Amino acid sequence: FTAIIVTIVAALWGSSRVMVSGPTTAISAVMFASLSTLAVPGSEA
């Protein structure tokens, strides 16, 4: 879903003509590191 919605909006309002946005490894890793201590990964919370 991130590779669909985020990609479209970033393409429309961004500045680069060829950059493609969406999910990335680094941000995914920070998300997990930040949230895994607050809730069980994959859970509704």
All heavy atoms as atom14 arrays in JSON, in Angstrom:
{
  "sequence": "FTAIIVTIVAALWGSSRVMVSGPTTAISAVMFASLSTLAVPGSEA",
  "atom14_mask": [
    [1, 1, 1, 1, 1, 1, 1, 1, 1, 1, 1, 0, 0, 0],
    [1, 1, 1, 1, 1, 1, 1, 0, 0, 0, 0, 0, 0, 0],
    [1, 1, 1, 1, 1, 0, 0, 0, 0, 0, 0, 0, 0, 0],
    [1, 1, 1, 1, 1, 1, 1, 1, 0, 0, 0, 0, 0, 0],
    [1, 1, 1, 1, 1, 1, 1, 1, 0, 0, 0, 0, 0, 0],
    [1, 1, 1, 1, 1, 1, 1, 0, 0, 0, 0, 0, 0, 0],
    [1, 1, 1, 1, 1, 1, 1, 0, 0, 0, 0, 0, 0, 0],
    [1, 1, 1, 1, 1, 1, 1, 1, 0, 0, 0, 0, 0, 0],
    [1, 1, 1, 1, 1, 1, 1, 0, 0, 0, 0, 0, 0, 0],
    [1, 1, 1, 1, 1, 0, 0, 0, 0, 0, 0, 0, 0, 0],
    [1, 1, 1, 1, 1, 0, 0, 0, 0, 0, 0, 0, 0, 0],
    [1, 1, 1, 1, 1, 1, 1, 1, 0, 0, 0, 0, 0, 0],
    [1, 1, 1, 1, 1, 1, 1, 1, 1, 1, 1, 1, 1, 1],
    [1, 1, 1, 1, 0, 0, 0, 0, 0, 0, 0, 0, 0, 0],
    [1, 1, 1, 1, 1, 1, 0, 0, 0, 0, 0, 0, 0, 0],
    [1, 1, 1, 1, 1, 1, 0, 0, 0, 0, 0, 0, 0, 0],
    [1, 1, 1, 1, 1, 1, 1, 1, 1, 1, 1, 0, 0, 0],
    [1, 1, 1, 1, 1, 1, 1, 0, 0, 0, 0, 0, 0, 0],
    [1, 1, 1, 1, 1, 1, 1, 1, 0, 0, 0, 0, 0, 0],
    [1, 1, 1, 1, 1, 1, 1, 0, 0, 0, 0, 0, 0, 0],
    [1, 1, 1, 1, 1, 1, 0, 0, 0, 0, 0, 0, 0, 0],
    [1, 1, 1, 1, 0, 0, 0, 0, 0, 0, 0, 0, 0, 0],
    [1, 1, 1, 1, 1, 1, 1, 0, 0, 0, 0, 0, 0, 0],
    [1, 1, 1, 1, 1, 1, 1, 0, 0, 0, 0, 0, 0, 0],
    [1, 1, 1, 1, 1, 1, 1, 0, 0, 0, 0, 0, 0, 0],
    [1, 1, 1, 1, 1, 0, 0, 0, 0, 0, 0, 0, 0, 0],
    [1, 1, 1, 1, 1, 1, 1, 1, 0, 0, 0, 0, 0, 0],
    [1, 1, 1, 1, 1, 1, 0, 0, 0, 0, 0, 0, 0, 0],
    [1, 1, 1, 1, 1, 0, 0, 0, 0, 0, 0, 0, 0, 0],
    [1, 1, 1, 1, 1, 1, 1, 0, 0, 0, 0, 0, 0, 0],
    [1, 1, 1, 1, 1, 1, 1, 1, 0, 0, 0, 0, 0, 0],
    [1, 1, 1, 1, 1, 1, 1, 1, 1, 1, 1, 0, 0, 0],
    [1, 1, 1, 1, 1, 0, 0, 0, 0, 0, 0, 0, 0, 0],
    [1, 1, 1, 1, 1, 1, 0, 0, 0, 0, 0, 0, 0, 0],
    [1, 1, 1, 1, 1, 1, 1, 1, 0, 0, 0, 0, 0, 0],
    [1, 1, 1, 1, 1, 1, 0, 0, 0, 0, 0, 0, 0, 0],
    [1, 1, 1, 1, 1, 1, 1, 0, 0, 0, 0, 0, 0, 0],
    [1, 1, 1, 1, 1, 1, 1, 1, 0, 0, 0, 0, 0, 0],
    [1, 1, 1, 1, 1, 0, 0, 0, 0, 0, 0, 0, 0, 0],
    [1, 1, 1, 1, 1, 1, 1, 0, 0, 0, 0, 0, 0, 0],
    [1, 1, 1, 1, 1, 1, 1, 0, 0, 0, 0, 0, 0, 0],
    [1, 1, 1, 1, 0, 0, 0, 0, 0, 0, 0, 0, 0, 0],
    [1, 1, 1, 1, 1, 1, 0, 0, 0, 0, 0, 0, 0, 0],
    [1, 1, 1, 1, 1, 1, 1, 1, 1, 0, 0, 0, 0, 0],
    [1, 1, 1, 1, 1, 0, 0, 0, 0, 0, 0, 0, 0, 0]
  ],
  "atom14_positions": [
    [[0.83, -1.2, 0.0], [0.0, 0.0, 0.0], [0.87, 1.26, 0.0], [0.56, 2.25, -0.67], [-0.92, 0.02, 1.23], [-1.9, -1.13, 1.29], [-2.51, -1.48, 2.49], [-2.21, -1.87, 0.15], [-3.41, -2.53, 2.55], [-3.11, -2.93, 0.2], [-3.71, -3.26, 1.42], [0.0, 0.0, 0.0], [0.0, 0.0, 0.0], [0.0, 0.0, 0.0]],
    [[1.98, 1.21, 0.74], [2.91, 2.34, 0.78], [3.51, 2.58, -0.6], [3.72, 3.73, -1.01], [4.04, 2.06, 1.81], [3.45, 1.82, 3.08], [5.0, 3.23, 1.9], [0.0, 0.0, 0.0], [0.0, 0.0, 0.0], [0.0, 0.0, 0.0], [0.0, 0.0, 0.0], [0.0, 0.0, 0.0], [0.0, 0.0, 0.0], [0.0, 0.0, 0.0]],
    [[3.79, 1.5, -1.32], [4.38, 1.61, -2.66], [3.37, 2.12, -3.69], [3.76, 2.43, -4.82], [4.92, 0.25, -3.1], [0.0, 0.0, 0.0], [0.0, 0.0, 0.0], [0.0, 0.0, 0.0], [0.0, 0.0, 0.0], [0.0, 0.0, 0.0], [0.0, 0.0, 0.0], [0.0, 0.0, 0.0], [0.0, 0.0, 0.0], [0.0, 0.0, 0.0]],
    [[2.11, 2.21, -3.3], [1.09, 2.76, -4.21], [0.76, 4.2, -3.84], [0.98, 5.14, -4.62], [-0.2, 1.9, -4.17], [0.08, 0.48, -4.69], [-1.31, 2.55, -5.0], [-1.06, -0.49, -4.52], [0.0, 0.0, 0.0], [0.0, 0.0, 0.0], [0.0, 0.0, 0.0], [0.0, 0.0, 0.0], [0.0, 0.0, 0.0], [0.0, 0.0, 0.0]],
    [[0.24, 4.41, -2.63], [-0.24, 5.74, -2.22], [0.91, 6.73, -2.05], [0.9, 7.83, -2.63], [-1.05, 5.64, -0.9], [-2.21, 4.65, -1.06], [-1.54, 7.02, -0.49], [-3.23, 5.02, -2.11], [0.0, 0.0, 0.0], [0.0, 0.0, 0.0], [0.0, 0.0, 0.0], [0.0, 0.0, 0.0], [0.0, 0.0, 0.0], [0.0, 0.0, 0.0]],
    [[1.9, 6.37, -1.25], [3.03, 7.28, -0.99], [3.76, 7.61, -2.28], [4.17, 8.76, -2.51], [3.99, 6.64, 0.05], [5.3, 7.42, 0.14], [3.33, 6.57, 1.42], [0.0, 0.0, 0.0], [0.0, 0.0, 0.0], [0.0, 0.0, 0.0], [0.0, 0.0, 0.0], [0.0, 0.0, 0.0], [0.0, 0.0, 0.0], [0.0, 0.0, 0.0]],
    [[3.91, 6.63, -3.15], [4.61, 6.85, -4.41], [3.9, 7.89, -5.28], [4.53, 8.79, -5.84], [4.72, 5.52, -5.19], [5.47, 4.59, -4.39], [5.41, 5.71, -6.52], [0.0, 0.0, 0.0], [0.0, 0.0, 0.0], [0.0, 0.0, 0.0], [0.0, 0.0, 0.0], [0.0, 0.0, 0.0], [0.0, 0.0, 0.0], [0.0, 0.0, 0.0]],
    [[2.58, 7.77, -5.38], [1.81, 8.69, -6.22], [1.88, 10.12, -5.69], [2.16, 11.07, -6.44], [0.34, 8.23, -6.32], [0.24, 6.92, -7.12], [-0.53, 9.3, -6.97], [-1.14, 6.3, -7.14], [0.0, 0.0, 0.0], [0.0, 0.0, 0.0], [0.0, 0.0, 0.0], [0.0, 0.0, 0.0], [0.0, 0.0, 0.0], [0.0, 0.0, 0.0]],
    [[1.63, 10.3, -4.39], [1.6, 11.65, -3.81], [2.99, 12.29, -3.87], [3.13, 13.47, -4.22], [1.08, 11.6, -2.36], [1.11, 12.99, -1.74], [-0.34, 11.03, -2.32], [0.0, 0.0, 0.0], [0.0, 0.0, 0.0], [0.0, 0.0, 0.0], [0.0, 0.0, 0.0], [0.0, 0.0, 0.0], [0.0, 0.0, 0.0], [0.0, 0.0, 0.0]],
    [[4.03, 11.53, -3.54], [5.4, 12.07, -3.58], [5.8, 12.45, -5.0], [6.51, 13.44, -5.21], [6.38, 11.06, -3.0], [0.0, 0.0, 0.0], [0.0, 0.0, 0.0], [0.0, 0.0, 0.0], [0.0, 0.0, 0.0], [0.0, 0.0, 0.0], [0.0, 0.0, 0.0], [0.0, 0.0, 0.0], [0.0, 0.0, 0.0], [0.0, 0.0, 0.0]],
    [[5.35, 11.67, -5.98], [5.66, 11.98, -7.38], [4.99, 13.29, -7.81], [5.59, 14.12, -8.5], [5.22, 10.84, -8.28], [0.0, 0.0, 0.0], [0.0, 0.0, 0.0], [0.0, 0.0, 0.0], [0.0, 0.0, 0.0], [0.0, 0.0, 0.0], [0.0, 0.0, 0.0], [0.0, 0.0, 0.0], [0.0, 0.0, 0.0], [0.0, 0.0, 0.0]],
    [[3.75, 13.49, -7.38], [3.0, 14.68, -7.79], [3.54, 15.96, -7.15], [3.62, 16.99, -7.8], [1.52, 14.51, -7.42], [0.68, 13.63, -8.37], [-0.7, 13.37, -7.77], [0.54, 14.3, -9.73], [0.0, 0.0, 0.0], [0.0, 0.0, 0.0], [0.0, 0.0, 0.0], [0.0, 0.0, 0.0], [0.0, 0.0, 0.0], [0.0, 0.0, 0.0]],
    [[3.9, 15.89, -5.87], [4.3, 17.12, -5.16], [5.8, 17.25, -4.94], [6.26, 18.26, -4.43], [3.56, 17.2, -3.82], [2.22, 17.84, -3.94], [1.95, 19.18, -3.9], [0.96, 17.18, -4.13], [0.61, 19.4, -4.06], [-0.03, 18.18, -4.19], [0.57, 15.86, -4.25], [-1.37, 17.9, -4.36], [-0.76, 15.57, -4.42], [-1.72, 16.57, -4.48]],
    [[6.58, 16.24, -5.32], [8.03, 16.32, -5.13], [8.7, 17.18, -6.18], [8.05, 17.75, -7.05], [0.0, 0.0, 0.0], [0.0, 0.0, 0.0], [0.0, 0.0, 0.0], [0.0, 0.0, 0.0], [0.0, 0.0, 0.0], [0.0, 0.0, 0.0], [0.0, 0.0, 0.0], [0.0, 0.0, 0.0], [0.0, 0.0, 0.0], [0.0, 0.0, 0.0]],
    [[10.03, 17.25, -6.1], [10.78, 18.1, -7.03], [11.54, 17.31, -8.09], [11.78, 17.82, -9.17], [11.78, 18.96, -6.23], [12.55, 19.76, -7.08], [0.0, 0.0, 0.0], [0.0, 0.0, 0.0], [0.0, 0.0, 0.0], [0.0, 0.0, 0.0], [0.0, 0.0, 0.0], [0.0, 0.0, 0.0], [0.0, 0.0, 0.0], [0.0, 0.0, 0.0]],
    [[11.92, 16.07, -7.75], [12.72, 15.27, -8.69], [11.85, 14.69, -9.81], [10.71, 14.29, -9.58], [13.4, 14.13, -7.94], [14.09, 13.29, -8.85], [0.0, 0.0, 0.0], [0.0, 0.0, 0.0], [0.0, 0.0, 0.0], [0.0, 0.0, 0.0], [0.0, 0.0, 0.0], [0.0, 0.0, 0.0], [0.0, 0.0, 0.0], [0.0, 0.0, 0.0]],
    [[12.42, 14.63, -11.0], [11.69, 14.08, -12.14], [11.78, 12.56, -12.23], [10.96, 11.93, -12.89], [12.22, 14.69, -13.45], [11.71, 16.1, -13.69], [12.22, 16.68, -14.99], [11.5, 17.88, -15.34], [10.45, 17.95, -16.14], [9.97, 16.84, -16.68], [9.86, 19.09, -16.42], [0.0, 0.0, 0.0], [0.0, 0.0, 0.0], [0.0, 0.0, 0.0]],
    [[12.79, 11.97, -11.6], [12.95, 10.51, -11.74], [12.97, 9.76, -10.42], [12.92, 8.54, -10.42], [14.25, 10.17, -12.52], [14.18, 10.68, -13.94], [15.47, 10.72, -11.81], [0.0, 0.0, 0.0], [0.0, 0.0, 0.0], [0.0, 0.0, 0.0], [0.0, 0.0, 0.0], [0.0, 0.0, 0.0], [0.0, 0.0, 0.0], [0.0, 0.0, 0.0]],
    [[13.03, 10.47, -9.3], [13.07, 9.75, -8.02], [11.74, 9.07, -7.74], [10.67, 9.64, -7.96], [13.4, 10.7, -6.88], [13.62, 9.97, -5.55], [14.09, 11.08, -4.21], [12.5, 11.84, -3.85], [0.0, 0.0, 0.0], [0.0, 0.0, 0.0], [0.0, 0.0, 0.0], [0.0, 0.0, 0.0], [0.0, 0.0, 0.0], [0.0, 0.0, 0.0]],
    [[11.82, 7.83, -7.27], [10.64, 7.05, -6.91], [10.63, 6.87, -5.4], [11.6, 6.41, -4.81], [10.64, 5.67, -7.6], [9.39, 4.89, -7.22], [10.73, 5.84, -9.12], [0.0, 0.0, 0.0], [0.0, 0.0, 0.0], [0.0, 0.0, 0.0], [0.0, 0.0, 0.0], [0.0, 0.0, 0.0], [0.0, 0.0, 0.0], [0.0, 0.0, 0.0]],
    [[9.54, 7.27, -4.76], [9.4, 7.13, -3.32], [8.57, 5.9, -2.99], [7.92, 5.31, -3.84], [8.76, 8.38, -2.72], [9.61, 9.49, -2.88], [0.0, 0.0, 0.0], [0.0, 0.0, 0.0], [0.0, 0.0, 0.0], [0.0, 0.0, 0.0], [0.0, 0.0, 0.0], [0.0, 0.0, 0.0], [0.0, 0.0, 0.0], [0.0, 0.0, 0.0]],
    [[8.58, 5.53, -1.71], [7.84, 4.36, -1.25], [8.52, 3.79, -0.02], [9.3, 4.48, 0.65], [0.0, 0.0, 0.0], [0.0, 0.0, 0.0], [0.0, 0.0, 0.0], [0.0, 0.0, 0.0], [0.0, 0.0, 0.0], [0.0, 0.0, 0.0], [0.0, 0.0, 0.0], [0.0, 0.0, 0.0], [0.0, 0.0, 0.0], [0.0, 0.0, 0.0]],
    [[8.27, 2.53, 0.3], [8.92, 1.92, 1.46], [10.42, 1.78, 1.22], [10.85, 1.49, 0.11], [8.25, 0.55, 1.56], [7.78, 0.26, 0.17], [7.4, 1.57, -0.43], [0.0, 0.0, 0.0], [0.0, 0.0, 0.0], [0.0, 0.0, 0.0], [0.0, 0.0, 0.0], [0.0, 0.0, 0.0], [0.0, 0.0, 0.0], [0.0, 0.0, 0.0]],
    [[11.23, 2.03, 2.25], [12.68, 1.88, 2.13], [13.2, 1.06, 3.3], [12.57, 0.97, 4.35], [13.41, 3.23, 2.12], [13.31, 3.83, 3.41], [12.83, 4.17, 1.07], [0.0, 0.0, 0.0], [0.0, 0.0, 0.0], [0.0, 0.0, 0.0], [0.0, 0.0, 0.0], [0.0, 0.0, 0.0], [0.0, 0.0, 0.0], [0.0, 0.0, 0.0]],
    [[14.37, 0.48, 3.1], [14.97, -0.38, 4.12], [15.27, 0.39, 5.4], [14.95, -0.05, 6.5], [16.29, -0.99, 3.61], [16.15, -1.29, 2.23], [16.65, -2.22, 4.37], [0.0, 0.0, 0.0], [0.0, 0.0, 0.0], [0.0, 0.0, 0.0], [0.0, 0.0, 0.0], [0.0, 0.0, 0.0], [0.0, 0.0, 0.0], [0.0, 0.0, 0.0]],
    [[15.91, 1.55, 5.26], [16.36, 2.31, 6.43], [15.19, 2.75, 7.29], [15.2, 2.57, 8.52], [17.17, 3.52, 5.97], [0.0, 0.0, 0.0], [0.0, 0.0, 0.0], [0.0, 0.0, 0.0], [0.0, 0.0, 0.0], [0.0, 0.0, 0.0], [0.0, 0.0, 0.0], [0.0, 0.0, 0.0], [0.0, 0.0, 0.0], [0.0, 0.0, 0.0]],
    [[14.16, 3.3, 6.67], [13.0, 3.77, 7.44], [12.27, 2.59, 8.06], [11.79, 2.67, 9.2], [12.07, 4.6, 6.55], [12.72, 5.96, 6.29], [10.71, 4.79, 7.19], [11.88, 6.92, 5.51], [0.0, 0.0, 0.0], [0.0, 0.0, 0.0], [0.0, 0.0, 0.0], [0.0, 0.0, 0.0], [0.0, 0.0, 0.0], [0.0, 0.0, 0.0]],
    [[12.18, 1.49, 7.34], [11.54, 0.29, 7.89], [12.27, -0.17, 9.15], [11.64, -0.54, 10.15], [11.53, -0.84, 6.85], [10.83, -0.45, 5.68], [0.0, 0.0, 0.0], [0.0, 0.0, 0.0], [0.0, 0.0, 0.0], [0.0, 0.0, 0.0], [0.0, 0.0, 0.0], [0.0, 0.0, 0.0], [0.0, 0.0, 0.0], [0.0, 0.0, 0.0]],
    [[13.59, -0.12, 9.11], [14.39, -0.55, 10.27], [14.18, 0.39, 11.45], [14.07, -0.06, 12.6], [15.87, -0.59, 9.88], [0.0, 0.0, 0.0], [0.0, 0.0, 0.0], [0.0, 0.0, 0.0], [0.0, 0.0, 0.0], [0.0, 0.0, 0.0], [0.0, 0.0, 0.0], [0.0, 0.0, 0.0], [0.0, 0.0, 0.0], [0.0, 0.0, 0.0]],
    [[14.12, 1.71, 11.19], [13.89, 2.67, 12.28], [12.49, 2.49, 12.85], [12.29, 2.59, 14.08], [14.09, 4.11, 11.78], [13.82, 5.1, 12.91], [15.49, 4.31, 11.27], [0.0, 0.0, 0.0], [0.0, 0.0, 0.0], [0.0, 0.0, 0.0], [0.0, 0.0, 0.0], [0.0, 0.0, 0.0], [0.0, 0.0, 0.0], [0.0, 0.0, 0.0]],
    [[11.51, 2.25, 11.99], [10.14, 2.01, 12.45], [10.1, 0.83, 13.42], [9.52, 0.92, 14.51], [9.21, 1.71, 11.26], [8.95, 2.88, 10.34], [7.66, 4.0, 10.91], [6.2, 3.0, 10.68], [0.0, 0.0, 0.0], [0.0, 0.0, 0.0], [0.0, 0.0, 0.0], [0.0, 0.0, 0.0], [0.0, 0.0, 0.0], [0.0, 0.0, 0.0]],
    [[10.74, -0.26, 13.03], [10.74, -1.45, 13.89], [11.46, -1.17, 15.2], [10.99, -1.52, 16.28], [11.4, -2.62, 13.16], [11.42, -3.89, 13.97], [10.3, -4.71, 14.03], [12.55, -4.24, 14.71], [10.32, -5.87, 14.79], [12.58, -5.39, 15.47], [11.45, -6.21, 15.51], [0.0, 0.0, 0.0], [0.0, 0.0, 0.0], [0.0, 0.0, 0.0]],
    [[12.62, -0.53, 15.13], [13.4, -0.23, 16.34], [12.63, 0.68, 17.29], [12.73, 0.54, 18.51], [14.73, 0.41, 15.95], [0.0, 0.0, 0.0], [0.0, 0.0, 0.0], [0.0, 0.0, 0.0], [0.0, 0.0, 0.0], [0.0, 0.0, 0.0], [0.0, 0.0, 0.0], [0.0, 0.0, 0.0], [0.0, 0.0, 0.0], [0.0, 0.0, 0.0]],
    [[11.84, 1.59, 16.73], [11.11, 2.56, 17.54], [9.84, 1.98, 18.17], [9.48, 2.34, 19.3], [10.73, 3.78, 16.7], [11.86, 4.37, 16.11], [0.0, 0.0, 0.0], [0.0, 0.0, 0.0], [0.0, 0.0, 0.0], [0.0, 0.0, 0.0], [0.0, 0.0, 0.0], [0.0, 0.0, 0.0], [0.0, 0.0, 0.0], [0.0, 0.0, 0.0]],
    [[9.17, 1.09, 17.45], [7.85, 0.63, 17.88], [7.85, -0.75, 18.55], [6.92, -1.07, 19.29], [6.89, 0.59, 16.68], [6.65, 1.93, 15.96], [5.72, 1.73, 14.78], [6.08, 2.96, 16.93], [0.0, 0.0, 0.0], [0.0, 0.0, 0.0], [0.0, 0.0, 0.0], [0.0, 0.0, 0.0], [0.0, 0.0, 0.0], [0.0, 0.0, 0.0]],
    [[8.88, -1.56, 18.29], [8.87, -2.94, 18.81], [8.94, -3.0, 20.33], [8.57, -4.01, 20.92], [10.02, -3.74, 18.2], [11.27, -3.11, 18.49], [0.0, 0.0, 0.0], [0.0, 0.0, 0.0], [0.0, 0.0, 0.0], [0.0, 0.0, 0.0], [0.0, 0.0, 0.0], [0.0, 0.0, 0.0], [0.0, 0.0, 0.0], [0.0, 0.0, 0.0]],
    [[9.4, -1.91, 20.96], [9.43, -1.88, 22.43], [8.1, -1.41, 23.02], [7.88, -1.51, 24.23], [10.54, -0.94, 22.93], [10.33, 0.37, 22.38], [11.91, -1.45, 22.49], [0.0, 0.0, 0.0], [0.0, 0.0, 0.0], [0.0, 0.0, 0.0], [0.0, 0.0, 0.0], [0.0, 0.0, 0.0], [0.0, 0.0, 0.0], [0.0, 0.0, 0.0]],
    [[7.2, -0.9, 22.16], [5.92, -0.38, 22.62], [4.76, -1.34, 22.4], [3.74, -1.27, 23.1], [5.61, 0.95, 21.92], [6.66, 2.06, 22.06], [6.26, 3.27, 21.24], [6.82, 2.45, 23.53], [0.0, 0.0, 0.0], [0.0, 0.0, 0.0], [0.0, 0.0, 0.0], [0.0, 0.0, 0.0], [0.0, 0.0, 0.0], [0.0, 0.0, 0.0]],
    [[4.9, -2.23, 21.42], [3.83, -3.19, 21.11], [4.41, -4.38, 20.38], [5.53, -4.31, 19.86], [2.74, -2.51, 20.26], [0.0, 0.0, 0.0], [0.0, 0.0, 0.0], [0.0, 0.0, 0.0], [0.0, 0.0, 0.0], [0.0, 0.0, 0.0], [0.0, 0.0, 0.0], [0.0, 0.0, 0.0], [0.0, 0.0, 0.0], [0.0, 0.0, 0.0]],
    [[3.67, -5.47, 20.33], [4.12, -6.67, 19.64], [4.06, -6.44, 18.13], [3.0, -6.07, 17.61], [3.25, -7.89, 20.01], [3.68, -9.13, 19.23], [3.31, -8.14, 21.51], [0.0, 0.0, 0.0], [0.0, 0.0, 0.0], [0.0, 0.0, 0.0], [0.0, 0.0, 0.0], [0.0, 0.0, 0.0], [0.0, 0.0, 0.0], [0.0, 0.0, 0.0]],
    [[5.2, -6.59, 17.41], [5.18, -6.38, 15.95], [4.09, -7.2, 15.26], [3.9, -8.38, 15.56], [6.57, -6.86, 15.52], [7.43, -6.63, 16.72], [6.53, -6.94, 17.9], [0.0, 0.0, 0.0], [0.0, 0.0, 0.0], [0.0, 0.0, 0.0], [0.0, 0.0, 0.0], [0.0, 0.0, 0.0], [0.0, 0.0, 0.0], [0.0, 0.0, 0.0]],
    [[3.36, -6.55, 14.36], [2.29, -7.22, 13.63], [0.94, -7.18, 14.3], [-0.09, -7.47, 13.67], [0.0, 0.0, 0.0], [0.0, 0.0, 0.0], [0.0, 0.0, 0.0], [0.0, 0.0, 0.0], [0.0, 0.0, 0.0], [0.0, 0.0, 0.0], [0.0, 0.0, 0.0], [0.0, 0.0, 0.0], [0.0, 0.0, 0.0], [0.0, 0.0, 0.0]],
    [[0.9, -6.8, 15.58], [-0.38, -6.76, 16.32], [-1.17, -5.51, 15.93], [-0.63, -4.57, 15.33], [-0.12, -6.75, 17.82], [0.57, -5.57, 18.21], [0.0, 0.0, 0.0], [0.0, 0.0, 0.0], [0.0, 0.0, 0.0], [0.0, 0.0, 0.0], [0.0, 0.0, 0.0], [0.0, 0.0, 0.0], [0.0, 0.0, 0.0], [0.0, 0.0, 0.0]],
    [[-2.44, -5.48, 16.3], [-3.29, -4.33, 15.99], [-2.76, -3.07, 16.66], [-2.78, -1.98, 16.08], [-4.73, -4.61, 16.43], [-5.46, -5.64, 15.56], [-6.92, -5.76, 15.94], [-7.42, -4.9, 16.69], [-7.57, -6.71, 15.47], [0.0, 0.0, 0.0], [0.0, 0.0, 0.0], [0.0, 0.0, 0.0], [0.0, 0.0, 0.0], [0.0, 0.0, 0.0]],
    [[-2.28, -3.22, 17.89], [-1.73, -2.06, 18.61], [-0.49, -1.53, 17.89], [-0.29, -0.31, 17.78], [-1.39, -2.45, 20.05], [0.0, 0.0, 0.0], [0.0, 0.0, 0.0], [0.0, 0.0, 0.0], [0.0, 0.0, 0.0], [0.0, 0.0, 0.0], [0.0, 0.0, 0.0], [0.0, 0.0, 0.0], [0.0, 0.0, 0.0], [0.0, 0.0, 0.0]]
  ]
}
